[in-house]
């Protein structure tokens, strides 16, 4: 089993990588040449944020953050489906 010091270090490195990945993805969401690029970038931003929330929950030992990540994932899924349907068909419902 991995010792807790090593595990904490690895989790913090992973958290740093996910935070660093947010920068170019946020740029793509702001400056994407097409609507589809922006939609995919926003979806990736929410996925990276969910990953960050889960890693913080593991580092801090806070179980409620995992529930928040699950709710955010469900809301993100519904939002992306609605936006994609609006782009393709011009209506949400």
N, C-alpha and C. Protein backbone atom coordinates (compact mmCIF):
# COMPACT_ATOMS: atom_id res chain seq x y z
N UNK A 1 0.84 -1.18 0.00
CA UNK A 1 0.00 0.00 0.00
C UNK A 1 0.88 1.25 0.00
N UNK A 2 0.45 2.26 -0.70
CA UNK A 2 1.23 3.50 -0.80
C UNK A 2 1.09 4.28 0.50
N UNK A 3 2.20 4.80 0.99
CA UNK A 3 2.16 5.59 2.22
C UNK A 3 1.40 6.88 1.99
N UNK A 4 0.88 7.44 3.06
CA UNK A 4 0.03 8.62 2.93
C UNK A 4 0.80 9.85 2.44
N UNK A 5 2.07 9.99 2.82
CA UNK A 5 2.84 11.14 2.35
C UNK A 5 3.03 11.09 0.84
N UNK A 6 3.34 9.92 0.34
CA UNK A 6 3.52 9.76 -1.11
C UNK A 6 2.20 9.98 -1.83
N UNK A 7 1.13 9.45 -1.26
CA UNK A 7 -0.18 9.60 -1.87
C UNK A 7 -0.62 11.06 -1.89
N UNK A 8 -0.40 11.78 -0.80
CA UNK A 8 -0.74 13.21 -0.77
C UNK A 8 0.06 13.99 -1.81
N UNK A 9 1.33 13.65 -1.97
CA UNK A 9 2.16 14.32 -2.97
C UNK A 9 1.65 14.05 -4.38
N UNK A 10 1.30 12.80 -4.65
CA UNK A 10 0.79 12.45 -5.97
C UNK A 10 -0.56 13.13 -6.25
N UNK A 11 -1.41 13.21 -5.24
CA UNK A 11 -2.69 13.89 -5.42
C UNK A 11 -2.50 15.38 -5.68
N UNK A 12 -1.55 15.99 -5.00
CA UNK A 12 -1.31 17.42 -5.22
C UNK A 12 -0.68 17.67 -6.58
N UNK A 13 0.16 16.76 -7.06
CA UNK A 13 0.71 16.89 -8.41
C UNK A 13 -0.41 16.77 -9.44
N UNK A 14 -1.30 15.80 -9.24
CA UNK A 14 -2.44 15.63 -10.16
C UNK A 14 -3.33 16.86 -10.14
N UNK A 15 -3.55 17.43 -8.96
CA UNK A 15 -4.35 18.65 -8.85
C UNK A 15 -3.70 19.81 -9.60
N UNK A 16 -2.39 19.93 -9.49
CA UNK A 16 -1.67 20.98 -10.21
C UNK A 16 -1.77 20.81 -11.72
N UNK A 17 -1.70 19.57 -12.18
CA UNK A 17 -1.81 19.30 -13.61
C UNK A 17 -3.21 19.68 -14.12
N UNK A 18 -4.24 19.31 -13.36
CA UNK A 18 -5.60 19.65 -13.78
C UNK A 18 -5.84 21.15 -13.79
N UNK A 19 -5.29 21.84 -12.81
CA UNK A 19 -5.42 23.30 -12.79
C UNK A 19 -4.68 23.92 -13.97
N UNK A 20 -3.50 23.40 -14.29
CA UNK A 20 -2.74 23.91 -15.43
C UNK A 20 -3.47 23.66 -16.74
N UNK A 21 -4.18 22.56 -16.83
CA UNK A 21 -4.94 22.26 -18.05
C UNK A 21 -6.14 23.17 -18.24
N UNK A 22 -6.62 23.77 -17.15
CA UNK A 22 -7.76 24.67 -17.26
C UNK A 22 -7.44 25.92 -18.07
N UNK A 23 -6.19 26.35 -18.08
CA UNK A 23 -5.82 27.61 -18.75
C UNK A 23 -6.01 27.53 -20.27
N UNK A 24 -5.41 26.55 -20.97
CA UNK A 24 -5.64 26.53 -22.42
C UNK A 24 -7.08 26.18 -22.80
N UNK A 25 -7.74 25.38 -21.97
CA UNK A 25 -9.13 25.03 -22.28
C UNK A 25 -10.04 26.24 -22.10
N UNK A 26 -9.80 27.04 -21.08
CA UNK A 26 -10.59 28.26 -20.90
C UNK A 26 -10.35 29.24 -22.05
N UNK A 27 -9.12 29.28 -22.54
CA UNK A 27 -8.83 30.13 -23.70
C UNK A 27 -9.62 29.65 -24.92
N UNK A 28 -9.68 28.34 -25.12
CA UNK A 28 -10.43 27.79 -26.25
C UNK A 28 -11.92 28.07 -26.10
N UNK A 29 -12.40 28.04 -24.87
CA UNK A 29 -13.82 28.34 -24.65
C UNK A 29 -14.13 29.81 -24.94
N UNK A 30 -13.18 30.68 -24.67
CA UNK A 30 -13.40 32.11 -24.91
C UNK A 30 -13.18 32.50 -26.37
N UNK A 31 -12.21 31.88 -27.03
CA UNK A 31 -11.82 32.29 -28.38
C UNK A 31 -12.06 31.24 -29.45
N UNK A 32 -12.82 30.20 -29.14
CA UNK A 32 -13.03 29.13 -30.11
C UNK A 32 -13.55 29.65 -31.44
N UNK A 33 -13.03 29.15 -32.55
CA UNK A 33 -13.48 29.68 -33.84
C UNK A 33 -14.93 29.31 -34.18
N UNK A 34 -15.40 28.18 -33.66
CA UNK A 34 -16.78 27.79 -33.95
C UNK A 34 -17.53 27.55 -32.64
N UNK A 35 -18.83 27.46 -32.76
CA UNK A 35 -19.66 27.19 -31.59
C UNK A 35 -19.38 25.79 -31.05
N UNK A 36 -19.13 24.85 -31.94
CA UNK A 36 -18.83 23.48 -31.50
C UNK A 36 -17.55 23.43 -30.68
N UNK A 37 -16.53 24.19 -31.08
CA UNK A 37 -15.29 24.25 -30.30
C UNK A 37 -15.55 24.80 -28.90
N UNK A 38 -16.35 25.83 -28.83
CA UNK A 38 -16.66 26.42 -27.52
C UNK A 38 -17.47 25.47 -26.66
N UNK A 39 -18.40 24.76 -27.27
CA UNK A 39 -19.21 23.79 -26.53
C UNK A 39 -18.34 22.68 -25.95
N UNK A 40 -17.45 22.14 -26.77
CA UNK A 40 -16.55 21.10 -26.28
C UNK A 40 -15.61 21.62 -25.20
N UNK A 41 -15.15 22.85 -25.35
CA UNK A 41 -14.25 23.43 -24.35
C UNK A 41 -14.98 23.64 -23.02
N UNK A 42 -16.22 24.09 -23.08
CA UNK A 42 -16.99 24.27 -21.84
C UNK A 42 -17.24 22.92 -21.18
N UNK A 43 -17.52 21.90 -21.97
CA UNK A 43 -17.70 20.56 -21.42
C UNK A 43 -16.42 20.07 -20.75
N UNK A 44 -15.29 20.33 -21.38
CA UNK A 44 -14.01 19.92 -20.79
C UNK A 44 -13.68 20.72 -19.54
N UNK A 45 -14.04 22.00 -19.51
CA UNK A 45 -13.82 22.81 -18.30
C UNK A 45 -14.60 22.22 -17.13
N UNK A 46 -15.86 21.87 -17.37
CA UNK A 46 -16.64 21.29 -16.27
C UNK A 46 -16.08 19.93 -15.84
N UNK A 47 -15.60 19.15 -16.79
CA UNK A 47 -14.99 17.87 -16.45
C UNK A 47 -13.73 18.07 -15.61
N UNK A 48 -12.90 19.04 -15.99
CA UNK A 48 -11.70 19.33 -15.21
C UNK A 48 -12.04 19.86 -13.83
N UNK A 49 -13.08 20.68 -13.74
CA UNK A 49 -13.50 21.18 -12.42
C UNK A 49 -14.01 20.05 -11.53
N UNK A 50 -14.72 19.11 -12.12
CA UNK A 50 -15.18 17.96 -11.34
C UNK A 50 -13.98 17.16 -10.85
N UNK A 51 -12.99 16.97 -11.71
CA UNK A 51 -11.77 16.28 -11.29
C UNK A 51 -11.07 17.01 -10.16
N UNK A 52 -11.01 18.34 -10.26
CA UNK A 52 -10.40 19.14 -9.19
C UNK A 52 -11.16 18.99 -7.88
N UNK A 53 -12.47 19.02 -7.95
CA UNK A 53 -13.29 18.88 -6.74
C UNK A 53 -13.06 17.51 -6.10
N UNK A 54 -13.00 16.47 -6.91
CA UNK A 54 -12.79 15.12 -6.38
C UNK A 54 -11.40 15.01 -5.75
N UNK A 55 -10.39 15.58 -6.40
CA UNK A 55 -9.04 15.52 -5.82
C UNK A 55 -8.95 16.30 -4.52
N UNK A 56 -9.59 17.45 -4.45
CA UNK A 56 -9.61 18.21 -3.19
C UNK A 56 -10.33 17.41 -2.11
N UNK A 57 -11.40 16.71 -2.49
CA UNK A 57 -12.12 15.87 -1.52
C UNK A 57 -11.22 14.76 -0.99
N UNK A 58 -10.40 14.18 -1.86
CA UNK A 58 -9.49 13.13 -1.42
C UNK A 58 -8.37 13.68 -0.54
N UNK A 59 -7.86 14.85 -0.89
CA UNK A 59 -6.78 15.45 -0.11
C UNK A 59 -7.28 15.87 1.27
N UNK A 60 -8.43 16.51 1.31
CA UNK A 60 -8.97 17.04 2.57
C UNK A 60 -9.73 15.99 3.38
N UNK A 61 -10.14 14.90 2.73
CA UNK A 61 -10.94 13.89 3.42
C UNK A 61 -12.37 14.32 3.64
N UNK A 62 -12.88 15.18 2.77
CA UNK A 62 -14.23 15.73 2.89
C UNK A 62 -15.16 15.00 1.93
N UNK A 63 -16.06 14.20 2.47
CA UNK A 63 -16.94 13.38 1.63
C UNK A 63 -18.01 14.19 0.92
N UNK A 64 -18.41 15.31 1.47
CA UNK A 64 -19.49 16.10 0.86
C UNK A 64 -19.06 16.67 -0.50
N UNK A 65 -17.76 16.88 -0.69
CA UNK A 65 -17.29 17.39 -1.98
C UNK A 65 -17.48 16.38 -3.09
N UNK A 66 -17.44 15.11 -2.77
CA UNK A 66 -17.70 14.08 -3.79
C UNK A 66 -19.15 14.17 -4.25
N UNK A 67 -20.07 14.39 -3.31
CA UNK A 67 -21.48 14.57 -3.68
C UNK A 67 -21.66 15.81 -4.55
N UNK A 68 -20.96 16.87 -4.23
CA UNK A 68 -21.03 18.09 -5.04
C UNK A 68 -20.51 17.82 -6.45
N UNK A 69 -19.44 17.05 -6.57
CA UNK A 69 -18.91 16.68 -7.88
C UNK A 69 -19.90 15.87 -8.70
N UNK A 70 -20.61 14.96 -8.05
CA UNK A 70 -21.61 14.15 -8.75
C UNK A 70 -22.77 15.02 -9.24
N UNK A 71 -23.23 15.93 -8.41
CA UNK A 71 -24.32 16.83 -8.81
C UNK A 71 -23.86 17.73 -9.97
N UNK A 72 -22.64 18.24 -9.89
CA UNK A 72 -22.11 19.07 -10.97
C UNK A 72 -22.00 18.29 -12.27
N UNK A 73 -21.62 17.02 -12.19
CA UNK A 73 -21.54 16.19 -13.39
C UNK A 73 -22.92 15.99 -14.01
N UNK A 74 -23.92 15.76 -13.19
CA UNK A 74 -25.28 15.58 -13.71
C UNK A 74 -25.80 16.86 -14.35
N UNK A 75 -25.58 18.00 -13.70
CA UNK A 75 -26.01 19.28 -14.27
C UNK A 75 -25.27 19.60 -15.56
N UNK A 76 -23.99 19.28 -15.60
CA UNK A 76 -23.20 19.52 -16.80
C UNK A 76 -23.72 18.67 -17.96
N UNK A 77 -24.05 17.42 -17.68
CA UNK A 77 -24.58 16.54 -18.71
C UNK A 77 -25.88 17.08 -19.29
N UNK A 78 -26.78 17.50 -18.43
CA UNK A 78 -28.06 18.04 -18.88
C UNK A 78 -27.85 19.34 -19.67
N UNK A 79 -26.96 20.19 -19.20
CA UNK A 79 -26.70 21.46 -19.89
C UNK A 79 -26.10 21.23 -21.27
N UNK A 80 -25.15 20.33 -21.38
CA UNK A 80 -24.53 20.06 -22.68
C UNK A 80 -25.54 19.47 -23.65
N UNK A 81 -26.39 18.57 -23.17
CA UNK A 81 -27.43 18.03 -24.05
C UNK A 81 -28.38 19.12 -24.53
N UNK A 82 -28.76 20.01 -23.64
CA UNK A 82 -29.67 21.10 -24.01
C UNK A 82 -29.03 22.04 -25.02
N UNK A 83 -27.79 22.39 -24.79
CA UNK A 83 -27.10 23.30 -25.71
C UNK A 83 -26.90 22.65 -27.07
N UNK A 84 -26.53 21.38 -27.08
CA UNK A 84 -26.34 20.68 -28.35
C UNK A 84 -27.65 20.58 -29.13
N UNK A 85 -28.73 20.32 -28.43
CA UNK A 85 -30.02 20.24 -29.11
C UNK A 85 -30.45 21.61 -29.63
N UNK A 86 -30.17 22.65 -28.88
CA UNK A 86 -30.50 24.01 -29.33
C UNK A 86 -29.70 24.37 -30.58
N UNK A 87 -28.43 23.99 -30.61
CA UNK A 87 -27.60 24.29 -31.78
C UNK A 87 -28.08 23.50 -32.99
N UNK A 88 -28.43 22.24 -32.81
CA UNK A 88 -28.78 21.41 -33.96
C UNK A 88 -30.22 21.63 -34.43
N UNK A 89 -31.16 21.80 -33.50
CA UNK A 89 -32.57 21.89 -33.88
C UNK A 89 -33.20 23.25 -33.65
N UNK A 90 -32.53 24.12 -32.93
CA UNK A 90 -33.09 25.43 -32.65
C UNK A 90 -34.10 25.46 -31.52
N UNK A 91 -34.22 24.36 -30.79
CA UNK A 91 -35.13 24.31 -29.65
C UNK A 91 -34.49 23.47 -28.55
N UNK A 92 -34.94 23.68 -27.32
CA UNK A 92 -34.37 22.95 -26.20
C UNK A 92 -35.26 21.77 -25.82
N UNK A 93 -36.58 21.99 -25.76
CA UNK A 93 -37.49 20.91 -25.35
C UNK A 93 -38.32 20.43 -26.50
